[in-house]
């Protein structure tokens, strides 16, 4: 969710998801490798993990963990 908000420079409709993913994909590798070496090294992998589908998959895993942990024993 933070990425969704950070990517929108002004109020109003957001660009379509493929456009947002492309913008993020270009921005991540642009981070200075000297300042952010781990981010730069992971950029080729992590730029593919920023879609709504990826977000929902992660959210489901978190919620599954919460519901399993809160179950009475």
PDB file of N, CA and C in Angstrom:
ATOM      1  N   UNK A   1       0.826  -1.187   0.000  1.00  0.00           N
ATOM      2  CA  UNK A   1       0.000   0.000   0.000  1.00  0.00           C
ATOM      3  C   UNK A   1       0.872   1.254   0.000  1.00  0.00           C
ATOM      4  N   UNK A   2       1.964   1.216   0.704  1.00  0.00           N
ATOM      5  CA  UNK A   2       2.841   2.387   0.746  1.00  0.00           C
ATOM      6  C   UNK A   2       3.357   2.719  -0.646  1.00  0.00           C
ATOM      7  N   UNK A   3       3.681   1.696  -1.433  1.00  0.00           N
ATOM      8  CA  UNK A   3       4.138   1.946  -2.795  1.00  0.00           C
ATOM      9  C   UNK A   3       3.048   2.576  -3.647  1.00  0.00           C
ATOM     10  N   UNK A   4       1.829   2.139  -3.453  1.00  0.00           N
ATOM     11  CA  UNK A   4       0.726   2.702  -4.224  1.00  0.00           C
ATOM     12  C   UNK A   4       0.579   4.191  -3.951  1.00  0.00           C
ATOM     13  N   UNK A   5       0.667   4.584  -2.709  1.00  0.00           N
ATOM     14  CA  UNK A   5       0.530   5.995  -2.341  1.00  0.00           C
ATOM     15  C   UNK A   5       1.750   6.788  -2.776  1.00  0.00           C
ATOM     16  N   UNK A   6       2.926   6.222  -2.596  1.00  0.00           N
ATOM     17  CA  UNK A   6       4.160   6.933  -2.929  1.00  0.00           C
ATOM     18  C   UNK A   6       4.283   7.192  -4.429  1.00  0.00           C
ATOM     19  N   UNK A   7       3.700   6.324  -5.227  1.00  0.00           N
ATOM     20  CA  UNK A   7       3.805   6.467  -6.681  1.00  0.00           C
ATOM     21  C   UNK A   7       2.875   7.511  -7.270  1.00  0.00           C
ATOM     22  N   UNK A   8       1.930   7.987  -6.504  1.00  0.00           N
ATOM     23  CA  UNK A   8       0.944   8.933  -7.028  1.00  0.00           C
ATOM     24  C   UNK A   8       1.357  10.339  -6.607  1.00  0.00           C
ATOM     25  N   UNK A   9       1.817  11.158  -7.557  1.00  0.00           N
ATOM     26  CA  UNK A   9       2.327  12.477  -7.193  1.00  0.00           C
ATOM     27  C   UNK A   9       1.248  13.494  -6.816  1.00  0.00           C
ATOM     28  N   UNK A  10      -0.006  13.216  -7.165  1.00  0.00           N
ATOM     29  CA  UNK A  10      -1.072  14.180  -6.866  1.00  0.00           C
ATOM     30  C   UNK A  10      -2.394  13.433  -6.726  1.00  0.00           C
ATOM     31  N   UNK A  11      -3.402  14.061  -6.112  1.00  0.00           N
ATOM     32  CA  UNK A  11      -4.705  13.418  -5.979  1.00  0.00           C
ATOM     33  C   UNK A  11      -5.319  13.115  -7.350  1.00  0.00           C
ATOM     34  N   UNK A  12      -6.176  12.144  -7.374  1.00  0.00           N
ATOM     35  CA  UNK A  12      -6.871  11.799  -8.606  1.00  0.00           C
ATOM     36  C   UNK A  12      -6.671  10.346  -8.965  1.00  0.00           C
ATOM     37  N   UNK A  13      -7.163   9.960 -10.110  1.00  0.00           N
ATOM     38  CA  UNK A  13      -7.037   8.561 -10.525  1.00  0.00           C
ATOM     39  C   UNK A  13      -5.573   8.159 -10.701  1.00  0.00           C
ATOM     40  N   UNK A  14      -5.289   6.937 -10.327  1.00  0.00           N
ATOM     41  CA  UNK A  14      -3.934   6.411 -10.497  1.00  0.00           C
ATOM     42  C   UNK A  14      -3.771   5.899 -11.925  1.00  0.00           C
ATOM     43  N   UNK A  15      -2.542   5.871 -12.418  1.00  0.00           N
ATOM     44  CA  UNK A  15      -2.303   5.235 -13.720  1.00  0.00           C
ATOM     45  C   UNK A  15      -2.653   3.747 -13.629  1.00  0.00           C
ATOM     46  N   UNK A  16      -2.859   3.124 -14.759  1.00  0.00           N
ATOM     47  CA  UNK A  16      -3.172   1.694 -14.767  1.00  0.00           C
ATOM     48  C   UNK A  16      -1.981   0.908 -14.213  1.00  0.00           C
ATOM     49  N   UNK A  17      -2.265  -0.279 -13.691  1.00  0.00           N
ATOM     50  CA  UNK A  17      -1.237  -1.066 -13.013  1.00  0.00           C
ATOM     51  C   UNK A  17       0.008  -1.333 -13.866  1.00  0.00           C
ATOM     52  N   UNK A  18      -0.114  -1.733 -15.132  1.00  0.00           N
ATOM     53  CA  UNK A  18       1.119  -1.974 -15.906  1.00  0.00           C
ATOM     54  C   UNK A  18       2.025  -0.739 -15.976  1.00  0.00           C
ATOM     55  N   UNK A  19       1.427   0.437 -16.055  1.00  0.00           N
ATOM     56  CA  UNK A  19       2.229   1.663 -16.079  1.00  0.00           C
ATOM     57  C   UNK A  19       2.913   1.903 -14.743  1.00  0.00           C
ATOM     58  N   UNK A  20       2.186   1.670 -13.639  1.00  0.00           N
ATOM     59  CA  UNK A  20       2.781   1.847 -12.309  1.00  0.00           C
ATOM     60  C   UNK A  20       3.929   0.874 -12.096  1.00  0.00           C
ATOM     61  N   UNK A  21       3.756  -0.377 -12.540  1.00  0.00           N
ATOM     62  CA  UNK A  21       4.807  -1.379 -12.394  1.00  0.00           C
ATOM     63  C   UNK A  21       6.033  -0.975 -13.204  1.00  0.00           C
ATOM     64  N   UNK A  22       5.815  -0.464 -14.414  1.00  0.00           N
ATOM     65  CA  UNK A  22       6.941  -0.035 -15.254  1.00  0.00           C
ATOM     66  C   UNK A  22       7.711   1.109 -14.602  1.00  0.00           C
ATOM     67  N   UNK A  23       6.997   2.065 -14.009  1.00  0.00           N
ATOM     68  CA  UNK A  23       7.654   3.197 -13.346  1.00  0.00           C
ATOM     69  C   UNK A  23       8.486   2.696 -12.166  1.00  0.00           C
ATOM     70  N   UNK A  24       7.915   1.810 -11.376  1.00  0.00           N
ATOM     71  CA  UNK A  24       8.662   1.260 -10.240  1.00  0.00           C
ATOM     72  C   UNK A  24       9.879   0.478 -10.716  1.00  0.00           C
ATOM     73  N   UNK A  25       9.692  -0.274 -11.788  1.00  0.00           N
ATOM     74  CA  UNK A  25      10.796  -1.065 -12.327  1.00  0.00           C
ATOM     75  C   UNK A  25      11.961  -0.198 -12.777  1.00  0.00           C
ATOM     76  N   UNK A  26      11.659   0.979 -13.308  1.00  0.00           N
ATOM     77  CA  UNK A  26      12.729   1.886 -13.723  1.00  0.00           C
ATOM     78  C   UNK A  26      13.353   2.590 -12.525  1.00  0.00           C
ATOM     79  N   UNK A  27      12.586   2.852 -11.486  1.00  0.00           N
ATOM     80  CA  UNK A  27      13.085   3.599 -10.331  1.00  0.00           C
ATOM     81  C   UNK A  27      13.995   2.752  -9.442  1.00  0.00           C
ATOM     82  N   UNK A  28      13.659   1.496  -9.236  1.00  0.00           N
ATOM     83  CA  UNK A  28      14.452   0.666  -8.329  1.00  0.00           C
ATOM     84  C   UNK A  28      15.903   0.532  -8.755  1.00  0.00           C
ATOM     85  N   UNK A  29      16.176   0.157  -9.998  1.00  0.00           N
ATOM     86  CA  UNK A  29      17.589   0.036 -10.380  1.00  0.00           C
ATOM     87  C   UNK A  29      18.319   1.380 -10.400  1.00  0.00           C
ATOM     88  N   UNK A  30      17.580   2.472 -10.376  1.00  0.00           N
ATOM     89  CA  UNK A  30      18.210   3.791 -10.410  1.00  0.00           C
ATOM     90  C   UNK A  30      18.782   4.192  -9.045  1.00  0.00           C
ATOM     91  N   UNK A  31      18.453   3.446  -7.994  1.00  0.00           N
ATOM     92  CA  UNK A  31      18.998   3.743  -6.665  1.00  0.00           C
ATOM     93  C   UNK A  31      20.511   3.559  -6.710  1.00  0.00           C
ATOM     94  N   UNK A  32      21.258   4.502  -6.146  1.00  0.00           N
ATOM     95  CA  UNK A  32      22.726   4.400  -6.200  1.00  0.00           C
ATOM     96  C   UNK A  32      23.237   3.134  -5.516  1.00  0.00           C
ATOM     97  N   UNK A  33      23.906   2.289  -6.276  1.00  0.00           N
ATOM     98  CA  UNK A  33      24.401   1.017  -5.745  1.00  0.00           C
ATOM     99  C   UNK A  33      25.393   1.231  -4.614  1.00  0.00           C
ATOM    100  N   UNK A  34      26.148   2.332  -4.655  1.00  0.00           N
ATOM    101  CA  UNK A  34      27.098   2.610  -3.581  1.00  0.00           C
ATOM    102  C   UNK A  34      26.414   2.907  -2.262  1.00  0.00           C
ATOM    103  N   UNK A  35      25.242   3.531  -2.326  1.00  0.00           N
ATOM    104  CA  UNK A  35      24.485   3.867  -1.114  1.00  0.00           C
ATOM    105  C   UNK A  35      23.562   2.730  -0.680  1.00  0.00           C
ATOM    106  N   UNK A  36      23.046   1.994  -1.654  1.00  0.00           N
ATOM    107  CA  UNK A  36      22.071   0.941  -1.374  1.00  0.00           C
ATOM    108  C   UNK A  36      22.476  -0.351  -2.083  1.00  0.00           C
ATOM    109  N   UNK A  37      23.590  -0.965  -1.706  1.00  0.00           N
ATOM    110  CA  UNK A  37      24.086  -2.123  -2.447  1.00  0.00           C
ATOM    111  C   UNK A  37      23.137  -3.318  -2.447  1.00  0.00           C
ATOM    112  N   UNK A  38      22.488  -3.571  -1.347  1.00  0.00           N
ATOM    113  CA  UNK A  38      21.575  -4.720  -1.308  1.00  0.00           C
ATOM    114  C   UNK A  38      20.336  -4.469  -2.157  1.00  0.00           C
ATOM    115  N   UNK A  39      19.829  -3.249  -2.103  1.00  0.00           N
ATOM    116  CA  UNK A  39      18.677  -2.906  -2.930  1.00  0.00           C
ATOM    117  C   UNK A  39      19.038  -3.030  -4.413  1.00  0.00           C
ATOM    118  N   UNK A  40      20.201  -2.535  -4.782  1.00  0.00           N
ATOM    119  CA  UNK A  40      20.638  -2.617  -6.179  1.00  0.00           C
ATOM    120  C   UNK A  40      20.803  -4.069  -6.617  1.00  0.00           C
ATOM    121  N   UNK A  41      21.367  -4.898  -5.755  1.00  0.00           N
ATOM    122  CA  UNK A  41      21.568  -6.305  -6.091  1.00  0.00           C
ATOM    123  C   UNK A  41      20.241  -7.047  -6.224  1.00  0.00           C
ATOM    124  N   UNK A  42      19.260  -6.674  -5.419  1.00  0.00           N
ATOM    125  CA  UNK A  42      17.964  -7.358  -5.436  1.00  0.00           C
ATOM    126  C   UNK A  42      16.998  -6.789  -6.468  1.00  0.00           C
ATOM    127  N   UNK A  43      17.307  -5.643  -7.060  1.00  0.00           N
ATOM    128  CA  UNK A  43      16.377  -4.966  -7.972  1.00  0.00           C
ATOM    129  C   UNK A  43      15.854  -5.852  -9.096  1.00  0.00           C
ATOM    130  N   UNK A  44      16.674  -6.638  -9.777  1.00  0.00           N
ATOM    131  CA  UNK A  44      16.122  -7.462 -10.851  1.00  0.00           C
ATOM    132  C   UNK A  44      15.040  -8.437 -10.375  1.00  0.00           C
ATOM    133  N   UNK A  45      15.147  -8.900  -9.146  1.00  0.00           N
ATOM    134  CA  UNK A  45      14.158  -9.829  -8.604  1.00  0.00           C
ATOM    135  C   UNK A  45      12.947  -9.097  -8.050  1.00  0.00           C
ATOM    136  N   UNK A  46      13.186  -8.067  -7.266  1.00  0.00           N
ATOM    137  CA  UNK A  46      12.082  -7.409  -6.563  1.00  0.00           C
ATOM    138  C   UNK A  46      11.208  -6.540  -7.457  1.00  0.00           C
ATOM    139  N   UNK A  47      11.722  -6.093  -8.589  1.00  0.00           N
ATOM    140  CA  UNK A  47      10.864  -5.277  -9.457  1.00  0.00           C
ATOM    141  C   UNK A  47       9.714  -6.098 -10.023  1.00  0.00           C
ATOM    142  N   UNK A  48       9.858  -7.409 -10.062  1.00  0.00           N
ATOM    143  CA  UNK A  48       8.770  -8.269 -10.525  1.00  0.00           C
ATOM    144  C   UNK A  48       7.759  -8.590  -9.443  1.00  0.00           C
ATOM    145  N   UNK A  49       7.986  -8.122  -8.233  1.00  0.00           N
ATOM    146  CA  UNK A  49       7.126  -8.466  -7.100  1.00  0.00           C
ATOM    147  C   UNK A  49       6.355  -7.249  -6.592  1.00  0.00           C
ATOM    148  N   UNK A  50       5.810  -6.448  -7.497  1.00  0.00           N
ATOM    149  CA  UNK A  50       5.142  -5.230  -7.054  1.00  0.00           C
ATOM    150  C   UNK A  50       3.764  -5.066  -7.685  1.00  0.00           C
ATOM    151  N   UNK A  51       3.152  -6.166  -8.061  1.00  0.00           N
ATOM    152  CA  UNK A  51       1.826  -6.097  -8.659  1.00  0.00           C
ATOM    153  C   UNK A  51       0.757  -6.267  -7.580  1.00  0.00           C
ATOM    154  N   UNK A  52      -0.470  -6.000  -7.958  1.00  0.00           N
ATOM    155  CA  UNK A  52      -1.594  -6.222  -7.045  1.00  0.00           C
ATOM    156  C   UNK A  52      -1.666  -7.692  -6.665  1.00  0.00           C
ATOM    157  N   UNK A  53      -1.414  -8.567  -7.634  1.00  0.00           N
ATOM    158  CA  UNK A  53      -1.435 -10.006  -7.362  1.00  0.00           C
ATOM    159  C   UNK A  53      -0.423 -10.378  -6.284  1.00  0.00           C
ATOM    160  N   UNK A  54       0.777  -9.827  -6.378  1.00  0.00           N
ATOM    161  CA  UNK A  54       1.821 -10.103  -5.381  1.00  0.00           C
ATOM    162  C   UNK A  54       1.406  -9.567  -4.016  1.00  0.00           C
ATOM    163  N   UNK A  55       0.848  -8.364  -3.991  1.00  0.00           N
ATOM    164  CA  UNK A  55       0.384  -7.774  -2.735  1.00  0.00           C
ATOM    165  C   UNK A  55      -0.674  -8.662  -2.081  1.00  0.00           C
ATOM    166  N   UNK A  56      -1.650  -9.095  -2.872  1.00  0.00           N
ATOM    167  CA  UNK A  56      -2.727  -9.919  -2.316  1.00  0.00           C
ATOM    168  C   UNK A  56      -2.207 -11.264  -1.826  1.00  0.00           C
ATOM    169  N   UNK A  57      -1.252 -11.839  -2.540  1.00  0.00           N
ATOM    170  CA  UNK A  57      -0.664 -13.108  -2.095  1.00  0.00           C
ATOM    171  C   UNK A  57       0.013 -12.920  -0.741  1.00  0.00           C
ATOM    172  N   UNK A  58       0.770 -11.842  -0.580  1.00  0.00           N
ATOM    173  CA  UNK A  58       1.426 -11.573   0.699  1.00  0.00           C
ATOM    174  C   UNK A  58       0.427 -11.295   1.804  1.00  0.00           C
ATOM    175  N   UNK A  59      -0.608 -10.529   1.486  1.00  0.00           N
ATOM    176  CA  UNK A  59      -1.635 -10.227   2.481  1.00  0.00           C
ATOM    177  C   UNK A  59      -2.333 -11.506   2.953  1.00  0.00           C
ATOM    178  N   UNK A  60      -2.652 -12.396   2.011  1.00  0.00           N
ATOM    179  CA  UNK A  60      -3.288 -13.670   2.394  1.00  0.00           C
ATOM    180  C   UNK A  60      -2.388 -14.472   3.323  1.00  0.00           C
ATOM    181  N   UNK A  61      -1.094 -14.483   3.038  1.00  0.00           N
ATOM    182  CA  UNK A  61      -0.161 -15.234   3.894  1.00  0.00           C
ATOM    183  C   UNK A  61      -0.113 -14.649   5.297  1.00  0.00           C
ATOM    184  N   UNK A  62      -0.111 -13.329   5.407  1.00  0.00           N
ATOM    185  CA  UNK A  62      -0.107 -12.682   6.723  1.00  0.00           C
ATOM    186  C   UNK A  62      -1.393 -13.019   7.464  1.00  0.00           C
ATOM    187  N   UNK A  63      -2.525 -12.879   6.792  1.00  0.00           N
ATOM    188  CA  UNK A  63      -3.808 -13.160   7.448  1.00  0.00           C
ATOM    189  C   UNK A  63      -3.937 -14.630   7.817  1.00  0.00           C
ATOM    190  N   UNK A  64      -3.446 -15.524   6.969  1.00  0.00           N
ATOM    191  CA  UNK A  64      -3.458 -16.950   7.312  1.00  0.00           C
ATOM    192  C   UNK A  64      -2.641 -17.207   8.578  1.00  0.00           C
ATOM    193  N   UNK A  65      -1.505 -16.547   8.690  1.00  0.00           N
ATOM    194  CA  UNK A  65      -0.665 -16.709   9.870  1.00  0.00           C
ATOM    195  C   UNK A  65      -1.332 -16.185  11.124  1.00  0.00           C
ATOM    196  N   UNK A  66      -2.035 -15.073  10.993  1.00  0.00           N
ATOM    197  CA  UNK A  66      -2.741 -14.512  12.146  1.00  0.00           C
ATOM    198  C   UNK A  66      -3.867 -15.435  12.570  1.00  0.00           C
ATOM    199  N   UNK A  67      -4.634 -15.911  11.610  1.00  0.00           N
ATOM    200  CA  UNK A  67      -5.780 -16.762  11.972  1.00  0.00           C
ATOM    201  C   UNK A  67      -5.318 -18.099  12.538  1.00  0.00           C
ATOM    202  N   UNK A  68      -4.215 -18.640  12.052  1.00  0.00           N
ATOM    203  CA  UNK A  68      -3.681 -19.897  12.581  1.00  0.00           C
ATOM    204  C   UNK A  68      -3.139 -19.686  13.994  1.00  0.00           C
ATOM    205  N   UNK A  69      -2.469 -18.589  14.189  1.00  0.00           N
ATOM    206  CA  UNK A  69      -1.866 -18.320  15.488  1.00  0.00           C
ATOM    207  C   UNK A  69      -2.920 -18.033  16.545  1.00  0.00           C
ATOM    208  N   UNK A  70      -4.032 -17.418  16.148  1.00  0.00           N
ATOM    209  CA  UNK A  70      -5.069 -17.062  17.104  1.00  0.00           C
ATOM    210  C   UNK A  70      -6.064 -18.190  17.393  1.00  0.00           C
ATOM    211  N   UNK A  71      -5.908 -19.316  16.698  1.00  0.00           N
ATOM    212  CA  UNK A  71      -6.848 -20.430  16.896  1.00  0.00           C
ATOM    213  C   UNK A  71      -6.657 -21.047  18.277  1.00  0.00           C
ATOM    214  N   UNK A  72      -7.773 -21.377  18.936  1.00  0.00           N
ATOM    215  CA  UNK A  72      -7.658 -22.024  20.257  1.00  0.00           C
ATOM    216  C   UNK A  72      -7.010 -23.383  20.134  1.00  0.00           C
ATOM    217  N   UNK A  73      -6.247 -23.745  21.145  1.00  0.00           N
ATOM    218  CA  UNK A  73      -5.561 -25.052  21.131  1.00  0.00           C
ATOM    219  C   UNK A  73      -6.169 -26.003  22.105  1.00  0.00           C
TER     220      UNK A  73
END
